[in-house]
Each structure stands twice: as structure tokens, then as C-alpha cells.
Amino acid sequence: MTTMDHSRKIKVLIVEDDTFTAMVYQDLLEEVTHIQFEITTCETLGEGLSALKDSSYNVLLLDLNLPDSDFHNTINAITGIADEIPIVVMTSTNDEKLALKAVNNGGQDYLVKDKLERQTLLRSILYAIERHQLKVELKRAKAVSDSLLKNILPEAIAEELKSKGRVEARYFEDVSVMFVDFSQFTKVSSQMDTSLLVAELHHCFSAFDKIAGRHGLEKIKTIGDSYMCAAGVPRPVENQHVQIASAAHAMMQFVAERRGLKAAEAKPFWNARIGIHTGPVVAGVVGIHKFTYDIWGNTVNVASRMEACGEEGRVNISHSLYTKLASDQHFTFTPRGAIEVKGKGSMEMYFVEPATRAVVPPLS
């Protein structure tokens, strides 16, 4: 191992059963004046894999034909370690098919021993390290972009978009859609500092996100002070009608508790109205640069009307959702009769309440 003080240090692991060949590699690298190479040698694949676990190397020079592993077994072993370390495959066989397989399995380069020169070896090592670092950075960037995409779109939709480059619109027969709107928002917000207003909206919507996620609902979007979510898209939700009604009351409870806290501090705060309807929708992704997963159809419009026709602190539901929940003992209902709805005519509506507080789970 060289001890010269160079500006750059590279730790090299050589897995080579021929001692003379390993010494040739070391001599070639020690001739380099601007890099300090710290070299460790192993004679078998097993020893090499163990060495990789015990120390951090910058590059691996790997002979394909070893006492405990033939060409094909060694190439297959590359797959398991290629993500951890750049690999330069060393062989005495000038075999293009073997070289292709080694590179496809994760090797960064393929060198033939009897044609080896110092510059070739050095260039290959530096190239392998650079490519590996680029691969790691790309993998990290992809993980970040995937995470961001999954925060914007449902996971299944994000995966479809990545694999196909587009998302097909789909028809769903039974989806429950909920709108939450803050009543007195304009009046209250006019009394709040802008930064405090944004912080409060963020606090409320973050709480709604947690509640929606706990009940298997999909957040669709926020529009100003309005929050929209649904159960049944893009995947089925077991007991979706119960889940969305329970989530609605958890959200209403959160707003009531927040309102009480602000009242105790003599600060203004809004109340909420919630409306829910169930029926068919069409769902898909819109946009080219800024993707949005959205749902459309009469069900969405009716759900919005349920919220607009509701009352502060109450959850207002349509007749179609009532028929799904009527036999569930977790809820009690207050019939409101037929109410005139703009653009829809008269519609039967009901206030729904939890029969016990147990149906409203606390925030985690």
C-alpha cells in the first residue's frame, strides 16, 4: 500500500487470485503521481464480498474467473453489489458477449488483462467512479421526484403516469364525494394577519389530510378555503360510506376544538359546513406541466350543493348516501325534507351525526 501524500485518495479493492497480476495492478496505480491509491487484495469472491462489508472502498477491480466462482457466477454476483460500489471487470478473455453481460449486470467497465496499460486502467477507474456517483445522484433525485409526484397524485396514478407517460380517464360507479367549506371565512380572515391566515389554513388542511388518510379517502384538491376529498377513487375503500361520514365528523370535531381554543384566546376563527353525496364519477389526470388528479360529473356538483345547503357545524348528506348509511347503528339522522337546489330542483337531505363519539377517531 502506498503512503505518499497525494491530493486525492482512492480506496481500491482488487479481487484477483493471481498474485503476480494483482501486483501488476498495484504497480501501475502507484506510478500515478496525483492520486494516492490505498489498495487491498483478495483472492476469492467470498473474501472480496466480506471485505466490502467491513470497509468503504471507492472502486472494485474484479476478476471474473476465481477459485470459488466461475465467469457466470461472478457476473451474477455483480448485480448484488453494483449499487454499492463501482466495478471494473478484469478478465483474460476478450469476449464481447461476456463483456455485455457484465456491463448489463452493473459493471461500469470491462478490461482485458493482457492489453492493460497504466492510462487505460486509471481512466477506467476514474470513469467507473464518476459514472457510479452520477448513478447514485440520479437515483437520489428520482427518489425525491417520485416522492413529490406521490404527494401530488395518488400512488397508483403516479405509477401509471411514470410507466405510460399518461393516465387514462376512468369511470367509477360508486364514489362518495365530500366538500368542506369554512363559513364566515371572509369576515374572519379580514381580521387576521396574512401570514397567520395562511398558517391556520395549512394547519386545518394538514389535519384534514391526516383524517382523510386514516379513513382511506383521497384528497382531490383545495380551492381557497374549500377542501374536497373522495372515497372510492382511484381504488375501492371498504365501507366507504361509513368511512367518509366518520371522516366528516372527525373534521368537524377538529374545527370545533380549534374554534374553542381560539375563543379562549379571544381570537376570531371560522366554523365549517360539510356536504357529502355518493354516485358515479369520471376520474383522471389533467394538465401537462402541473399534473392534477381530479374527478368530474353530476355527483361532484351535487356534493358541492350539499355543502352549500348545509348549516354551520353540521354534516349534510344526500338521499343516496342516506340509503347507504340508514341501517348503520353508528349514525343518527335528522331528515330535512326536500330542499330546493339551484340547478337541481328539490332534493332530499339529511343531517348525520355519530351515535357515539367513538365513531370519531382522535387525531394522531
Protein backbone atom coordinates (compact mmCIF):
# COMPACT_ATOMS: atom_id res chain seq x y z
CA MET A 1 0.00 0.00 0.00
CA THR A 2 1.44 3.39 -0.92
CA THR A 3 1.95 6.01 1.79
CA MET A 4 2.77 9.04 -0.40
CA ASP A 5 0.87 12.26 0.33
CA HIS A 6 -1.23 12.95 -2.74
CA SER A 7 -4.11 15.38 -3.23
CA ARG A 8 -6.71 12.69 -3.86
CA LYS A 9 -7.19 9.30 -2.25
CA ILE A 10 -8.95 6.34 -3.81
CA LYS A 11 -9.50 3.07 -1.97
CA VAL A 12 -9.28 0.12 -4.35
CA LEU A 13 -10.32 -3.46 -3.66
CA ILE A 14 -8.73 -5.97 -6.01
CA VAL A 15 -10.28 -9.43 -6.20
CA GLU A 16 -7.74 -11.48 -8.17
CA ASP A 17 -6.43 -15.00 -7.46
CA ASP A 18 -3.18 -14.48 -9.42
CA THR A 19 -0.72 -12.73 -7.08
CA PHE A 20 1.51 -11.53 -9.92
CA THR A 21 -1.44 -9.94 -11.77
CA ALA A 22 -2.60 -8.21 -8.60
CA MET A 23 0.93 -6.81 -8.15
CA VAL A 24 0.87 -5.53 -11.74
CA TYR A 25 -2.34 -3.61 -10.99
CA GLN A 26 -0.76 -2.15 -7.85
CA ASP A 27 2.47 -1.16 -9.65
CA LEU A 28 0.52 0.53 -12.44
CA LEU A 29 -1.53 2.55 -9.96
CA GLU A 30 1.45 3.54 -7.80
CA GLU A 31 3.01 5.17 -10.87
CA VAL A 32 0.22 7.76 -10.77
CA THR A 33 1.62 10.92 -9.16
CA HIS A 34 -1.52 12.95 -8.47
CA ILE A 35 -3.64 10.26 -6.75
CA GLN A 36 -2.95 8.13 -3.69
CA PHE A 37 -4.31 4.63 -4.14
CA GLU A 38 -4.98 2.58 -1.00
CA ILE A 39 -5.08 -0.99 -2.26
CA THR A 40 -6.43 -4.15 -0.67
CA THR A 41 -6.29 -7.53 -2.41
CA CYS A 42 -8.39 -10.66 -2.03
CA GLU A 43 -8.03 -13.98 -3.84
CA THR A 44 -11.64 -15.26 -3.83
CA LEU A 45 -15.09 -13.79 -4.42
CA GLY A 46 -16.14 -14.74 -0.91
CA GLU A 47 -13.21 -12.84 0.61
CA GLY A 48 -13.98 -9.87 -1.59
CA LEU A 49 -17.65 -9.73 -0.59
CA SER A 50 -16.65 -9.92 3.07
CA ALA A 51 -14.13 -7.11 2.60
CA LEU A 52 -16.82 -4.91 1.06
CA LYS A 53 -18.93 -5.30 4.21
CA ASP A 54 -16.10 -4.28 6.53
CA SER A 55 -14.73 -1.20 4.77
CA SER A 56 -15.74 1.53 2.37
CA TYR A 57 -13.98 1.23 -0.99
CA ASN A 58 -14.22 3.62 -3.91
CA VAL A 59 -13.85 1.02 -6.64
CA LEU A 60 -13.64 -2.75 -7.14
CA LEU A 61 -11.37 -4.43 -9.69
CA LEU A 62 -13.00 -7.83 -10.11
CA ASP A 63 -11.54 -10.85 -11.88
CA LEU A 64 -14.30 -12.97 -13.39
CA ASN A 65 -12.65 -16.40 -13.05
CA LEU A 66 -11.93 -17.09 -9.39
CA PRO A 67 -11.23 -20.25 -7.35
CA ASP A 68 -14.67 -20.17 -5.73
CA SER A 69 -16.63 -18.71 -8.66
CA ASP A 70 -16.66 -19.15 -12.43
CA PHE A 71 -17.39 -16.48 -15.05
CA HIS A 72 -21.17 -16.67 -14.92
CA ASN A 73 -21.47 -16.90 -11.13
CA THR A 74 -19.20 -13.89 -10.70
CA ILE A 75 -21.17 -11.87 -13.24
CA ASN A 76 -24.38 -12.74 -11.42
CA ALA A 77 -22.79 -11.62 -8.14
CA ILE A 78 -22.14 -8.20 -9.68
CA THR A 79 -25.87 -7.49 -9.62
CA GLY A 80 -25.97 -7.66 -5.83
CA ILE A 81 -23.15 -5.19 -5.24
CA ALA A 82 -23.28 -2.82 -8.23
CA ASP A 83 -25.48 -0.32 -6.39
CA GLU A 84 -22.94 -0.06 -3.57
CA ILE A 85 -19.63 0.26 -5.44
CA PRO A 86 -18.39 0.92 -9.00
CA ILE A 87 -17.00 -2.27 -10.55
CA VAL A 88 -14.35 -2.66 -13.23
CA VAL A 89 -14.44 -6.20 -14.58
CA MET A 90 -10.98 -7.71 -15.24
CA THR A 91 -10.58 -10.78 -17.45
CA SER A 92 -8.11 -12.52 -19.69
CA THR A 93 -10.89 -13.34 -22.18
CA ASN A 94 -11.78 -10.84 -24.89
CA ASP A 95 -15.42 -11.94 -25.12
CA GLU A 96 -17.90 -9.28 -26.32
CA LYS A 97 -20.95 -11.23 -25.12
CA LEU A 98 -19.38 -11.71 -21.70
CA ALA A 99 -18.47 -8.03 -21.58
CA LEU A 100 -22.03 -7.03 -22.47
CA LYS A 101 -23.49 -9.27 -19.78
CA ALA A 102 -21.05 -7.93 -17.18
CA VAL A 103 -21.98 -4.32 -18.01
CA ASN A 104 -25.70 -5.09 -18.14
CA ASN A 105 -25.46 -6.62 -14.67
CA GLY A 106 -23.99 -3.43 -13.27
CA GLY A 107 -20.28 -3.40 -14.13
CA GLN A 108 -19.02 0.03 -15.12
CA ASP A 109 -16.24 -1.18 -17.44
CA TYR A 110 -14.62 -4.33 -18.87
CA LEU A 111 -10.83 -4.59 -19.28
CA VAL A 112 -8.73 -7.36 -20.83
CA LYS A 113 -5.65 -8.05 -18.69
CA ASP A 114 -3.08 -8.70 -21.40
CA LYS A 115 -3.80 -5.35 -23.07
CA LEU A 116 -3.66 -3.35 -19.86
CA GLU A 117 -1.76 -0.06 -19.67
CA ARG A 118 -1.49 2.43 -16.83
CA GLN A 119 -3.52 5.14 -18.55
CA THR A 120 -6.19 2.64 -19.58
CA LEU A 121 -6.51 1.31 -16.04
CA LEU A 122 -6.53 4.79 -14.50
CA ARG A 123 -9.07 6.13 -16.97
CA SER A 124 -11.31 3.12 -16.37
CA ILE A 125 -11.18 3.52 -12.58
CA LEU A 126 -11.94 7.25 -12.67
CA TYR A 127 -14.65 6.71 -15.26
CA ALA A 128 -16.24 3.97 -13.16
CA ILE A 129 -16.24 6.14 -10.02
CA GLU A 130 -17.70 9.11 -11.89
CA ARG A 131 -20.44 7.05 -13.51
CA HIS A 132 -21.32 5.40 -10.22
CA GLN A 133 -21.57 8.76 -8.47
CA LEU A 134 -23.80 10.01 -11.25
CA LYS A 135 -25.98 6.91 -10.92
CA VAL A 136 -26.28 7.47 -7.15
CA GLU A 137 -27.20 11.12 -7.68
CA LEU A 138 -29.76 10.23 -10.32
CA LYS A 139 -31.24 7.58 -8.05
CA ARG A 140 -31.46 10.09 -5.21
CA ALA A 141 -33.04 12.70 -7.49
CA LYS A 142 -35.51 10.11 -8.79
CA ALA A 143 -36.48 9.19 -5.23
CA VAL A 144 -37.13 12.86 -4.48
CA SER A 145 -39.16 13.36 -7.68
CA ASP A 146 -41.12 10.15 -7.04
CA SER A 147 -41.89 11.32 -3.52
CA LEU A 148 -43.06 14.70 -4.81
CA LEU A 149 -45.16 13.07 -7.52
CA LYS A 150 -46.83 10.77 -4.99
CA ASN A 151 -47.62 13.78 -2.83
CA ILE A 152 -49.36 15.39 -5.81
CA LEU A 153 -51.08 12.31 -7.24
CA PRO A 154 -52.44 9.07 -5.76
CA GLU A 155 -49.69 6.44 -5.71
CA ALA A 156 -51.35 4.15 -8.28
CA ILE A 157 -51.92 7.11 -10.61
CA ALA A 158 -48.32 8.29 -10.18
CA GLU A 159 -47.04 4.84 -11.10
CA GLU A 160 -49.26 4.73 -14.20
CA LEU A 161 -48.06 8.17 -15.25
CA LYS A 162 -44.41 7.14 -14.87
CA SER A 163 -44.82 3.86 -16.75
CA LYS A 164 -47.11 5.06 -19.56
CA GLY A 165 -46.48 8.80 -19.69
CA ARG A 166 -50.21 9.41 -19.36
CA VAL A 167 -53.20 8.36 -17.27
CA GLU A 168 -56.41 7.04 -18.78
CA ALA A 169 -59.63 8.59 -17.50
CA ARG A 170 -61.79 6.01 -15.72
CA TYR A 171 -65.44 5.69 -14.83
CA PHE A 172 -66.30 4.75 -11.23
CA GLU A 173 -69.82 3.61 -10.42
CA ASP A 174 -69.91 4.37 -6.69
CA VAL A 175 -67.82 7.20 -5.24
CA SER A 176 -68.54 9.30 -2.17
CA VAL A 177 -67.53 12.95 -2.56
CA MET A 178 -67.17 15.42 0.31
CA PHE A 179 -66.77 19.19 0.39
CA VAL A 180 -65.68 21.07 3.50
CA ASP A 181 -66.08 24.83 3.46
CA PHE A 182 -65.25 27.37 6.13
CA SER A 183 -68.23 29.59 6.86
CA GLN A 184 -67.58 33.23 7.84
CA PHE A 185 -64.14 32.81 6.28
CA THR A 186 -64.07 36.20 4.54
CA LYS A 187 -65.11 38.04 7.68
CA VAL A 188 -62.68 36.19 9.96
CA SER A 189 -59.76 36.30 7.54
CA SER A 190 -60.07 40.08 7.23
CA GLN A 191 -59.21 40.28 10.94
CA MET A 192 -56.12 38.10 10.65
CA ASP A 193 -52.56 38.83 9.58
CA THR A 194 -51.83 37.31 6.16
CA SER A 195 -49.09 35.01 7.41
CA LEU A 196 -51.29 33.85 10.31
CA LEU A 197 -54.17 33.21 7.90
CA VAL A 198 -52.01 31.01 5.68
CA ALA A 199 -50.62 29.20 8.73
CA GLU A 200 -54.14 28.48 10.03
CA LEU A 201 -55.32 27.17 6.66
CA HIS A 202 -52.24 24.98 6.47
CA HIS A 203 -52.89 23.70 9.99
CA CYS A 204 -56.52 22.86 9.20
CA PHE A 205 -55.88 21.28 5.82
CA SER A 206 -52.97 19.25 7.22
CA ALA A 207 -55.30 17.90 9.90
CA PHE A 208 -57.89 17.11 7.23
CA ASP A 209 -55.20 15.28 5.22
CA LYS A 210 -54.41 13.08 8.23
CA ILE A 211 -58.07 12.32 8.85
CA ALA A 212 -58.69 11.57 5.17
CA GLY A 213 -55.68 9.25 5.03
CA ARG A 214 -56.73 7.42 8.18
CA HIS A 215 -60.13 6.68 6.63
CA GLY A 216 -58.77 5.66 3.21
CA LEU A 217 -60.04 8.81 1.47
CA GLU A 218 -58.27 10.52 -1.40
CA LYS A 219 -57.70 14.25 -1.18
CA ILE A 220 -58.69 15.75 -4.52
CA LYS A 221 -57.88 19.43 -4.08
CA THR A 222 -58.29 22.61 -2.10
CA ILE A 223 -59.93 25.68 -3.61
CA GLY A 224 -59.38 28.71 -1.42
CA ASP A 225 -60.94 27.77 1.91
CA SER A 226 -62.73 24.71 0.48
CA TYR A 227 -61.40 21.17 0.89
CA MET A 228 -62.51 18.33 -1.39
CA CYS A 229 -61.91 14.61 -0.92
CA ALA A 230 -63.49 11.34 -2.02
CA ALA A 231 -63.82 7.67 -1.11
CA GLY A 232 -63.68 5.03 -3.83
CA VAL A 233 -61.11 6.60 -6.19
CA PRO A 234 -58.67 5.63 -7.52
CA ARG A 235 -59.10 2.41 -5.52
CA PRO A 236 -62.03 0.85 -3.65
CA VAL A 237 -62.41 1.60 0.06
CA GLU A 238 -64.02 -0.94 2.34
CA ASN A 239 -67.17 0.51 3.96
CA GLN A 240 -66.52 3.72 2.07
CA HIS A 241 -69.84 5.33 3.05
CA VAL A 242 -69.17 4.77 6.75
CA GLN A 243 -65.58 5.90 6.34
CA ILE A 244 -66.42 9.20 4.67
CA ALA A 245 -69.18 10.01 7.17
CA SER A 246 -66.83 9.21 10.05
CA ALA A 247 -64.09 11.34 8.48
CA ALA A 248 -66.53 14.22 8.06
CA HIS A 249 -67.35 14.22 11.76
CA ALA A 250 -63.68 13.95 12.70
CA MET A 251 -63.02 17.04 10.59
CA MET A 252 -65.98 18.85 12.11
CA GLN A 253 -64.77 17.94 15.59
CA PHE A 254 -61.30 19.25 14.77
CA VAL A 255 -62.72 22.61 13.60
CA ALA A 256 -64.92 22.86 16.72
CA GLU A 257 -61.95 22.18 19.01
CA ARG A 258 -59.81 24.69 17.13
CA ARG A 259 -62.60 27.25 17.29
CA GLY A 260 -62.92 26.72 21.05
CA LEU A 261 -59.19 27.15 21.52
CA LYS A 262 -59.20 30.42 19.60
CA ALA A 263 -62.24 31.66 21.51
CA ALA A 264 -60.39 31.06 24.78
CA GLU A 265 -57.62 33.30 23.41
CA ALA A 266 -60.19 35.92 22.32
CA LYS A 267 -59.18 35.38 18.71
CA PRO A 268 -61.54 35.01 15.73
CA PHE A 269 -61.97 31.69 13.97
CA TRP A 270 -64.29 30.23 11.39
CA ASN A 271 -66.82 27.41 11.54
CA ALA A 272 -67.38 24.74 8.89
CA ARG A 273 -70.06 23.24 6.69
CA ILE A 274 -69.71 19.78 5.19
CA GLY A 275 -71.69 18.20 2.37
CA ILE A 276 -71.46 14.62 1.03
CA HIS A 277 -73.06 12.83 -1.91
CA THR A 278 -72.42 9.43 -3.45
CA GLY A 279 -72.72 8.30 -7.05
CA PRO A 280 -70.76 7.77 -10.31
CA VAL A 281 -67.80 9.94 -11.34
CA VAL A 282 -65.16 10.11 -14.03
CA ALA A 283 -61.60 10.47 -12.71
CA GLY A 284 -58.33 11.28 -14.45
CA VAL A 285 -55.26 13.49 -14.65
CA VAL A 286 -55.40 16.93 -16.22
CA GLY A 287 -52.54 19.24 -17.16
CA ILE A 288 -49.24 18.90 -18.99
CA HIS A 289 -46.70 20.59 -16.76
CA LYS A 290 -48.54 20.64 -13.43
CA PHE A 291 -50.49 17.42 -13.11
CA THR A 292 -53.73 17.30 -11.13
CA TYR A 293 -55.84 14.26 -10.32
CA ASP A 294 -59.47 15.33 -10.50
CA ILE A 295 -63.00 13.93 -10.64
CA TRP A 296 -65.97 15.14 -12.67
CA GLY A 297 -69.67 14.51 -13.05
CA ASN A 298 -73.04 15.25 -11.53
CA THR A 299 -72.01 13.55 -8.28
CA VAL A 300 -69.36 16.22 -7.71
CA ASN A 301 -71.85 19.01 -8.41
CA VAL A 302 -74.45 17.54 -6.05
CA ALA A 303 -71.85 17.09 -3.28
CA SER A 304 -70.98 20.76 -3.65
CA ARG A 305 -74.70 21.64 -3.37
CA MET A 306 -74.96 19.52 -0.23
CA GLU A 307 -72.27 21.66 1.36
CA ALA A 308 -73.84 24.95 0.18
CA CYS A 309 -77.27 23.92 1.52
CA GLY A 310 -75.87 22.79 4.86
CA GLU A 311 -75.51 24.58 8.19
CA GLU A 312 -72.56 25.58 10.29
CA GLY A 313 -71.23 22.74 12.40
CA ARG A 314 -73.37 20.12 10.62
CA VAL A 315 -72.74 17.36 8.08
CA ASN A 316 -75.34 17.47 5.35
CA ILE A 317 -75.82 14.39 3.13
CA SER A 318 -77.92 13.47 0.12
CA HIS A 319 -80.64 10.84 -0.03
CA SER A 320 -78.37 8.49 -1.98
CA LEU A 321 -75.79 8.47 0.82
CA TYR A 322 -78.54 8.23 3.43
CA THR A 323 -79.77 4.96 1.88
CA LYS A 324 -76.22 3.57 2.24
CA LEU A 325 -75.95 4.57 5.91
CA ALA A 326 -79.52 4.29 7.22
CA SER A 327 -79.07 0.79 8.65
CA ASP A 328 -75.73 1.60 10.31
CA GLN A 329 -76.16 1.98 14.06
CA HIS A 330 -73.10 4.24 14.32
CA PHE A 331 -75.13 7.18 12.99
CA THR A 332 -78.32 9.07 13.69
CA PHE A 333 -80.13 11.16 11.07
CA THR A 334 -82.23 14.30 11.02
CA PRO A 335 -84.44 14.42 7.90
CA ARG A 336 -84.56 17.90 6.39
CA GLY A 337 -87.17 17.15 3.76
CA ALA A 338 -87.00 18.29 0.17
CA ILE A 339 -84.90 21.41 -0.28
CA GLU A 340 -84.71 23.43 -3.47
CA VAL A 341 -81.23 23.19 -5.00
CA LYS A 342 -80.02 25.59 -7.66
CA GLY A 343 -79.96 23.83 -10.99
CA LYS A 344 -81.09 20.51 -9.47
CA GLY A 345 -84.65 21.05 -8.30
CA SER A 346 -85.87 19.67 -4.96
CA MET A 347 -83.58 17.18 -3.22
CA GLU A 348 -83.99 15.20 -0.02
CA MET A 349 -81.31 15.98 2.55
CA TYR A 350 -80.32 14.76 5.99
CA PHE A 351 -78.05 15.87 8.78
CA VAL A 352 -75.98 12.96 10.02
CA GLU A 353 -74.48 12.68 13.49
CA PRO A 354 -72.36 9.99 15.14
CA ALA A 355 -74.44 7.87 17.50
CA THR A 356 -71.43 7.77 19.84
CA ARG A 357 -68.23 9.77 19.98
CA ALA A 358 -66.32 6.53 19.29
CA VAL A 359 -67.08 6.86 15.60
CA VAL A 360 -64.89 9.97 15.50
CA PRO A 361 -61.27 8.87 15.99
CA PRO A 362 -58.86 11.36 17.61
CA LEU A 363 -56.02 12.92 15.66
CA SER A 364 -52.73 11.07 15.92
